[in-house]
């Protein structure tokens, strides 16, 4: 096949491209320039999409002896990912920008361009398994549970999955680094990127305040209604947050307080105890079914609400177009705006993604 390998400049995408070459595909490497003003150098493991990352991707492509290009997707990335991120926080929701980036950039914008240029597939370094059963794609957890990225890929459509390649799905990260060393790839020991790529210093609150300004409101005890303090904007908080609340006096029982709910219209941030964070029911909109098949009545599954962790056995069904998930064990810190991903357990070949949807309400 003609394969377009998305090369971020990290070890995973470099090894994924190498495996595509080794499999006999006609591979072209591409680095996505996602920032209009990329930083010159990385700072340890923070951030990505820097000039240094583009150079690392080019060096890896040279070693693999494949053509390499840099495509400028900065404007679309800003519109689809950054502005969506800011807007969601302003509305009191907690988005996952990696889910949005995979959906809107890597497997919409990039795949559209790749198909227009005659490529058959886009190859990435994601840790997820992909198979086709009777012509229907199945997205599964990767062999490396600690690196599994099926959660952030669960918003892909069946058609997008048909043109996707994840060569690292059956590997663990330690082995990928060893392979990179063996292949002579200079990124073999490069640190993984962490945090949000467009907030390399990790200070999300400051990033949002620069764009949204200050929108003062009250910090309120959810049980008593007492005003405990003031804040500069609901965009500085997320459900489940414990630190940085700006409350001087301790709770009457001496235990930590957590953010329970955000009300962007009134500017109210409600706080309370850890026990009040427990959620047993999730309602979610905009469902996507990677395998083309919506849930057929109440379905036993595993629900996951964060990229790493936040899982519970559950029963899910579609009611009036909305996905309703009844959790068998309560989860804490579940916020509107997050994505809930439903899996069919399969211990032998990695859990199968049934579908995903954006959380609208919890109880």
Protein backbone atom coordinates (compact mmCIF):
# COMPACT_ATOMS: atom_id res chain seq x y z
CA UNK A 1 0.00 0.00 0.00
CA UNK A 2 0.91 3.65 -0.28
CA UNK A 3 1.24 4.72 3.35
CA UNK A 4 1.56 8.20 4.81
CA UNK A 5 3.45 7.94 8.11
CA UNK A 6 2.67 10.76 10.55
CA UNK A 7 6.02 11.42 12.25
CA UNK A 8 5.85 13.59 15.36
CA UNK A 9 9.57 13.49 16.04
CA UNK A 10 9.20 10.94 18.83
CA UNK A 11 10.34 7.34 19.12
CA UNK A 12 6.90 5.76 18.68
CA UNK A 13 6.03 7.30 15.32
CA UNK A 14 9.56 6.68 14.04
CA UNK A 15 9.39 2.95 14.84
CA UNK A 16 5.85 2.74 13.44
CA UNK A 17 7.12 4.21 10.16
CA UNK A 18 10.07 1.80 10.18
CA UNK A 19 7.75 -1.17 10.57
CA UNK A 20 5.58 0.05 7.70
CA UNK A 21 8.69 0.23 5.50
CA UNK A 22 9.83 -3.20 6.63
CA UNK A 23 6.38 -4.61 5.78
CA UNK A 24 6.97 -3.61 2.16
CA UNK A 25 4.70 -0.59 1.93
CA UNK A 26 5.52 2.50 -0.12
CA UNK A 27 5.97 4.94 2.78
CA UNK A 28 6.19 8.73 2.85
CA UNK A 29 6.86 10.55 6.12
CA UNK A 30 5.09 13.75 7.10
CA UNK A 31 5.46 16.01 10.12
CA UNK A 32 2.51 18.18 11.04
CA UNK A 33 3.40 21.77 11.92
CA UNK A 34 0.63 22.53 14.38
CA UNK A 35 1.90 25.74 15.94
CA UNK A 36 2.11 29.08 14.16
CA UNK A 37 5.01 29.99 16.46
CA UNK A 38 6.76 26.73 17.40
CA UNK A 39 9.29 26.84 20.19
CA UNK A 40 12.86 26.29 19.15
CA UNK A 41 13.60 23.62 21.74
CA UNK A 42 11.68 21.24 23.91
CA UNK A 43 11.94 21.46 27.68
CA UNK A 44 12.52 17.90 28.84
CA UNK A 45 9.35 15.91 28.29
CA UNK A 46 7.02 18.89 28.07
CA UNK A 47 5.23 19.76 24.89
CA UNK A 48 5.83 18.71 21.32
CA UNK A 49 5.44 20.17 17.83
CA UNK A 50 8.63 22.23 18.20
CA UNK A 51 11.28 22.94 15.57
CA UNK A 52 13.42 20.33 17.31
CA UNK A 53 10.65 17.73 16.85
CA UNK A 54 10.43 18.49 13.12
CA UNK A 55 14.21 18.04 12.80
CA UNK A 56 14.07 14.74 14.73
CA UNK A 57 11.33 13.47 12.43
CA UNK A 58 13.38 14.42 9.36
CA UNK A 59 16.48 12.63 10.69
CA UNK A 60 14.43 9.48 11.33
CA UNK A 61 13.01 9.64 7.79
CA UNK A 62 16.52 10.02 6.37
CA UNK A 63 17.66 6.89 8.19
CA UNK A 64 14.61 5.00 6.90
CA UNK A 65 15.36 6.37 3.41
CA UNK A 66 11.82 7.59 2.81
CA UNK A 67 10.59 10.91 1.40
CA UNK A 68 9.71 13.44 4.08
CA UNK A 69 7.56 16.56 4.15
CA UNK A 70 6.34 19.12 6.67
CA UNK A 71 2.68 20.07 6.29
CA UNK A 72 1.36 23.25 7.86
CA UNK A 73 -1.83 22.46 9.75
CA UNK A 74 -1.40 25.28 12.29
CA UNK A 75 -4.49 27.26 11.31
CA UNK A 76 -6.79 24.25 11.37
CA UNK A 77 -5.25 22.99 14.62
CA UNK A 78 -5.88 26.36 16.25
CA UNK A 79 -9.50 26.42 15.08
CA UNK A 80 -10.40 22.79 15.73
CA UNK A 81 -8.36 21.98 18.82
CA UNK A 82 -7.14 25.08 20.67
CA UNK A 83 -10.27 27.22 20.25
CA UNK A 84 -12.50 24.25 21.06
CA UNK A 85 -10.45 23.62 24.20
CA UNK A 86 -10.81 27.25 25.32
CA UNK A 87 -14.52 27.34 24.52
CA UNK A 88 -15.22 24.15 26.44
CA UNK A 89 -13.50 25.43 29.57
CA UNK A 90 -15.37 28.74 29.28
CA UNK A 91 -18.60 26.73 29.26
CA UNK A 92 -17.64 24.85 32.43
CA UNK A 93 -16.71 21.62 30.68
CA UNK A 94 -13.47 19.61 30.70
CA UNK A 95 -12.32 18.62 27.19
CA UNK A 96 -9.63 16.17 26.16
CA UNK A 97 -7.61 17.92 23.41
CA UNK A 98 -5.86 14.70 22.37
CA UNK A 99 -9.22 13.14 21.48
CA UNK A 100 -10.11 16.25 19.47
CA UNK A 101 -6.72 16.29 17.73
CA UNK A 102 -6.98 12.66 16.67
CA UNK A 103 -10.55 13.15 15.48
CA UNK A 104 -10.21 16.49 13.70
CA UNK A 105 -6.54 16.70 12.66
CA UNK A 106 -4.84 13.32 12.32
CA UNK A 107 -7.82 11.34 11.08
CA UNK A 108 -9.91 14.00 9.41
CA UNK A 109 -7.71 16.75 8.00
CA UNK A 110 -4.61 14.58 7.47
CA UNK A 111 -6.49 11.54 6.22
CA UNK A 112 -8.56 13.65 3.81
CA UNK A 113 -5.39 15.10 2.31
CA UNK A 114 -3.72 11.69 2.19
CA UNK A 115 -6.66 10.14 0.35
CA UNK A 116 -6.75 13.05 -2.10
CA UNK A 117 -3.07 12.42 -2.87
CA UNK A 118 -3.63 8.73 -3.54
CA UNK A 119 -2.46 7.18 -0.26
CA UNK A 120 -4.20 4.09 1.05
CA UNK A 121 -3.59 4.56 4.75
CA UNK A 122 -2.22 6.82 7.48
CA UNK A 123 0.25 5.21 9.88
CA UNK A 124 0.78 6.54 13.41
CA UNK A 125 2.66 5.53 16.55
CA UNK A 126 -0.42 5.09 18.70
CA UNK A 127 -0.57 2.12 21.06
CA UNK A 128 -3.79 0.42 19.97
CA UNK A 129 -4.73 -2.70 18.06
CA UNK A 130 -6.82 -2.66 14.93
CA UNK A 131 -8.34 -5.58 13.09
CA UNK A 132 -11.03 -6.10 10.47
CA UNK A 133 -13.66 -8.76 11.07
CA UNK A 134 -16.01 -9.50 8.15
CA UNK A 135 -15.14 -6.13 6.66
CA UNK A 136 -15.89 -4.27 9.88
CA UNK A 137 -13.02 -2.56 11.78
CA UNK A 138 -12.45 -3.37 15.43
CA UNK A 139 -10.40 -1.04 17.64
CA UNK A 140 -8.86 -2.76 20.65
CA UNK A 141 -6.67 -1.99 23.61
CA UNK A 142 -2.95 -2.36 23.02
CA UNK A 143 -0.71 -5.05 24.48
CA UNK A 144 0.95 -2.40 26.68
CA UNK A 145 -1.76 -1.56 29.22
CA UNK A 146 0.23 1.34 30.60
CA UNK A 147 0.55 2.98 27.16
CA UNK A 148 -2.82 2.01 25.69
CA UNK A 149 -4.26 4.84 23.57
CA UNK A 150 -7.47 3.26 22.36
CA UNK A 151 -9.35 5.77 24.53
CA UNK A 152 -8.09 8.78 22.56
CA UNK A 153 -8.82 6.99 19.26
CA UNK A 154 -12.35 5.90 20.13
CA UNK A 155 -13.91 8.90 18.38
CA UNK A 156 -12.74 7.67 14.97
CA UNK A 157 -15.37 6.54 12.49
CA UNK A 158 -15.39 3.14 10.79
CA UNK A 159 -14.28 4.73 7.52
CA UNK A 160 -11.34 6.44 9.21
CA UNK A 161 -10.31 3.21 10.91
CA UNK A 162 -10.35 1.40 7.57
CA UNK A 163 -7.55 3.71 6.44
CA UNK A 164 -5.55 3.66 9.69
CA UNK A 165 -2.46 1.68 10.68
CA UNK A 166 -1.19 1.26 14.26
CA UNK A 167 1.95 -0.90 13.96
CA UNK A 168 2.79 -0.67 17.68
CA UNK A 169 -0.43 -2.21 18.98
CA UNK A 170 1.13 -5.56 19.86
CA UNK A 171 4.27 -4.05 21.43
CA UNK A 172 5.29 -2.63 24.79
CA UNK A 173 7.13 0.67 25.06
CA UNK A 174 10.37 -0.80 26.41
CA UNK A 175 10.67 -3.05 23.36
CA UNK A 176 9.95 -0.14 21.02
CA UNK A 177 12.88 1.80 22.48
CA UNK A 178 15.16 -1.23 22.11
CA UNK A 179 14.06 -1.58 18.48
CA UNK A 180 14.74 2.10 17.85
CA UNK A 181 18.28 1.65 19.18
CA UNK A 182 18.78 -1.36 16.96
CA UNK A 183 17.60 0.56 13.92
CA UNK A 184 19.94 3.43 14.72
CA UNK A 185 17.12 5.95 15.20
CA UNK A 186 18.43 8.98 17.12
CA UNK A 187 15.12 9.40 18.99
CA UNK A 188 15.46 6.05 20.77
CA UNK A 189 15.99 7.67 24.17
CA UNK A 190 14.01 10.85 23.60
CA UNK A 191 11.57 11.53 26.49
CA UNK A 192 7.87 11.08 25.85
CA UNK A 193 5.85 14.26 25.60
CA UNK A 194 3.47 14.96 28.45
CA UNK A 195 0.89 17.60 29.27
CA UNK A 196 -1.02 19.46 26.58
CA UNK A 197 1.15 20.07 23.54
CA UNK A 198 0.07 23.70 23.10
CA UNK A 199 0.62 24.44 26.82
CA UNK A 200 4.24 23.28 27.18
CA UNK A 201 4.72 24.87 30.61
CA UNK A 202 1.77 22.88 31.97
CA UNK A 203 0.00 25.97 33.40
CA UNK A 204 -3.48 25.51 31.96
CA UNK A 205 -5.07 28.13 34.21
CA UNK A 206 -2.72 30.89 33.04
CA UNK A 207 -3.15 29.82 29.41
CA UNK A 208 -6.92 30.10 29.69
CA UNK A 209 -6.87 33.35 31.62
CA UNK A 210 -4.77 35.00 28.91
CA UNK A 211 -7.47 34.13 26.40
CA UNK A 212 -10.61 34.52 28.48
CA UNK A 213 -9.58 37.16 30.96
CA UNK A 214 -10.84 37.16 34.53
CA UNK A 215 -14.45 36.24 35.23
CA UNK A 216 -14.76 36.50 39.03
CA UNK A 217 -17.26 34.39 40.94
CA UNK A 218 -17.91 32.67 44.24
CA UNK A 219 -16.55 29.46 45.70
CA UNK A 220 -19.56 27.93 47.44
CA UNK A 221 -19.99 25.03 49.85
CA UNK A 222 -22.33 22.68 47.97
CA UNK A 223 -23.97 21.45 51.18
CA UNK A 224 -24.52 24.68 53.14
CA UNK A 225 -24.48 27.29 50.39
CA UNK A 226 -21.91 29.30 52.33
CA UNK A 227 -19.55 31.44 50.27
CA UNK A 228 -16.01 30.29 51.03
CA UNK A 229 -14.08 32.62 48.78
CA UNK A 230 -13.73 34.21 45.36
CA UNK A 231 -12.08 33.06 42.15
CA UNK A 232 -11.07 34.62 38.82
CA UNK A 233 -13.05 32.31 36.52
CA UNK A 234 -14.68 28.87 36.31
CA UNK A 235 -12.23 28.09 33.50
CA UNK A 236 -9.57 27.67 36.19
CA UNK A 237 -11.27 24.60 37.63
CA UNK A 238 -12.40 21.11 36.75
CA UNK A 239 -14.61 18.62 38.57
CA UNK A 240 -12.54 16.55 41.00
CA UNK A 241 -9.87 19.23 41.46
CA UNK A 242 -8.41 19.43 44.96
CA UNK A 243 -5.44 21.76 44.76
CA UNK A 244 -5.37 25.46 43.93
CA UNK A 245 -8.92 26.19 45.12
CA UNK A 246 -7.90 29.36 46.94
CA UNK A 247 -9.85 28.57 50.12
CA UNK A 248 -8.06 29.66 53.28
CA UNK A 249 -10.18 28.00 55.96
CA UNK A 250 -10.19 24.19 56.24
CA UNK A 251 -13.40 22.19 56.03
CA UNK A 252 -15.21 21.63 59.37
CA UNK A 253 -14.12 17.99 59.40
CA UNK A 254 -10.55 18.92 58.48
CA UNK A 255 -10.67 16.93 55.23
CA UNK A 256 -9.82 18.26 51.77
CA UNK A 257 -12.42 19.95 49.60
CA UNK A 258 -12.94 19.12 45.93
CA UNK A 259 -14.64 20.83 43.03
CA UNK A 260 -18.07 19.22 42.58
CA UNK A 261 -19.72 21.39 39.92
CA UNK A 262 -19.18 24.46 37.77
CA UNK A 263 -21.86 27.00 36.86
CA UNK A 264 -20.41 29.27 34.17
CA UNK A 265 -23.45 31.57 33.86
CA UNK A 266 -23.44 32.57 37.54
CA UNK A 267 -19.69 32.05 37.89
CA UNK A 268 -20.21 29.68 40.80
CA UNK A 269 -17.76 26.92 41.70
CA UNK A 270 -19.31 24.39 44.10
CA UNK A 271 -17.00 22.45 46.39
CA UNK A 272 -17.50 19.62 48.84
CA UNK A 273 -16.14 16.38 50.21
CA UNK A 274 -14.63 13.46 48.34
CA UNK A 275 -17.71 11.30 48.91
CA UNK A 276 -19.81 13.79 46.95
CA UNK A 277 -17.67 13.19 43.85
CA UNK A 278 -19.02 9.67 43.39
CA UNK A 279 -20.92 9.19 40.14
CA UNK A 280 -23.11 6.16 39.35
CA UNK A 281 -24.83 7.33 36.17
CA UNK A 282 -23.46 9.02 33.05
CA UNK A 283 -25.45 10.54 30.20
CA UNK A 284 -23.50 11.30 27.04
CA UNK A 285 -24.20 12.85 23.63
CA UNK A 286 -22.71 12.58 20.12
CA UNK A 287 -22.08 8.80 20.16
CA UNK A 288 -19.62 7.34 17.67
CA UNK A 289 -19.61 3.62 16.90
CA UNK A 290 -16.21 2.54 15.48
CA UNK A 291 -17.59 -0.84 14.44
CA UNK A 292 -20.71 0.67 12.82
CA UNK A 293 -23.03 -1.07 15.28
CA UNK A 294 -24.86 0.95 17.96
CA UNK A 295 -25.72 -0.75 21.22
CA UNK A 296 -28.65 -3.15 20.86
CA UNK A 297 -30.47 -2.69 24.15
CA UNK A 298 -28.79 -2.74 27.58
CA UNK A 299 -25.20 -3.93 27.11
CA UNK A 300 -22.68 -5.15 29.65
CA UNK A 301 -19.41 -3.29 29.19
CA UNK A 302 -16.51 -1.48 30.80
CA UNK A 303 -16.75 2.30 30.85
CA UNK A 304 -13.65 4.51 30.85
CA UNK A 305 -13.76 8.27 31.45
CA UNK A 306 -10.09 9.24 31.34
CA UNK A 307 -7.21 8.40 29.02
CA UNK A 308 -5.51 6.42 31.79
CA UNK A 309 -7.68 5.04 34.55
CA UNK A 310 -11.22 5.87 35.51
CA UNK A 311 -12.75 2.51 34.52
CA UNK A 312 -15.73 0.62 35.91
CA UNK A 313 -17.98 -2.24 34.84
CA UNK A 314 -21.29 -0.90 33.61
CA UNK A 315 -24.50 -1.40 31.67
CA UNK A 316 -24.99 1.00 28.76
CA UNK A 317 -27.83 1.63 26.34
CA UNK A 318 -29.01 4.25 23.89
CA UNK A 319 -32.08 6.18 25.03
CA UNK A 320 -33.52 8.82 22.67
CA UNK A 321 -30.16 9.18 20.96
CA UNK A 322 -28.24 9.67 24.20
CA UNK A 323 -25.93 7.04 25.69
CA UNK A 324 -26.91 6.22 29.28
CA UNK A 325 -24.30 4.40 31.33
CA UNK A 326 -25.18 2.84 34.70
CA UNK A 327 -21.94 2.16 36.58
CA UNK A 328 -21.70 -0.91 38.78
CA UNK A 329 -18.98 0.78 40.82
CA UNK A 330 -19.05 4.57 41.30
CA UNK A 331 -16.34 6.70 39.69
CA UNK A 332 -15.00 9.96 41.06
CA UNK A 333 -14.19 13.19 39.28
CA UNK A 334 -16.30 12.61 36.17
CA UNK A 335 -16.75 15.94 34.40
CA UNK A 336 -19.06 17.11 31.61
CA UNK A 337 -17.03 17.52 28.44
CA UNK A 338 -14.97 14.40 29.05
CA UNK A 339 -15.42 11.40 26.78
CA UNK A 340 -16.81 8.10 28.00
CA UNK A 341 -15.53 5.10 26.04
CA UNK A 342 -17.30 1.75 26.23
CA UNK A 343 -15.38 -1.51 25.88
CA UNK A 344 -16.39 -5.13 25.43
CA UNK A 345 -14.07 -7.12 27.69
CA UNK A 346 -11.82 -9.61 25.91
CA UNK A 347 -8.90 -10.86 27.99
CA UNK A 348 -7.33 -12.77 25.11
CA UNK A 349 -7.06 -10.12 22.39
CA UNK A 350 -7.53 -6.77 24.09
CA UNK A 351 -10.87 -5.17 24.97
CA UNK A 352 -12.89 -4.06 21.94
CA UNK A 353 -14.09 -0.46 21.71
CA UNK A 354 -17.88 -0.50 21.38
CA UNK A 355 -18.31 3.25 21.13
CA UNK A 356 -17.67 6.64 22.64
CA UNK A 357 -19.68 9.75 23.50
CA UNK A 358 -19.21 13.13 25.15
CA UNK A 359 -20.38 13.33 28.76
CA UNK A 360 -23.26 15.78 29.20
CA UNK A 361 -24.50 14.99 32.71
CA UNK A 362 -23.79 12.77 35.71
CA UNK A 363 -25.67 11.61 38.78
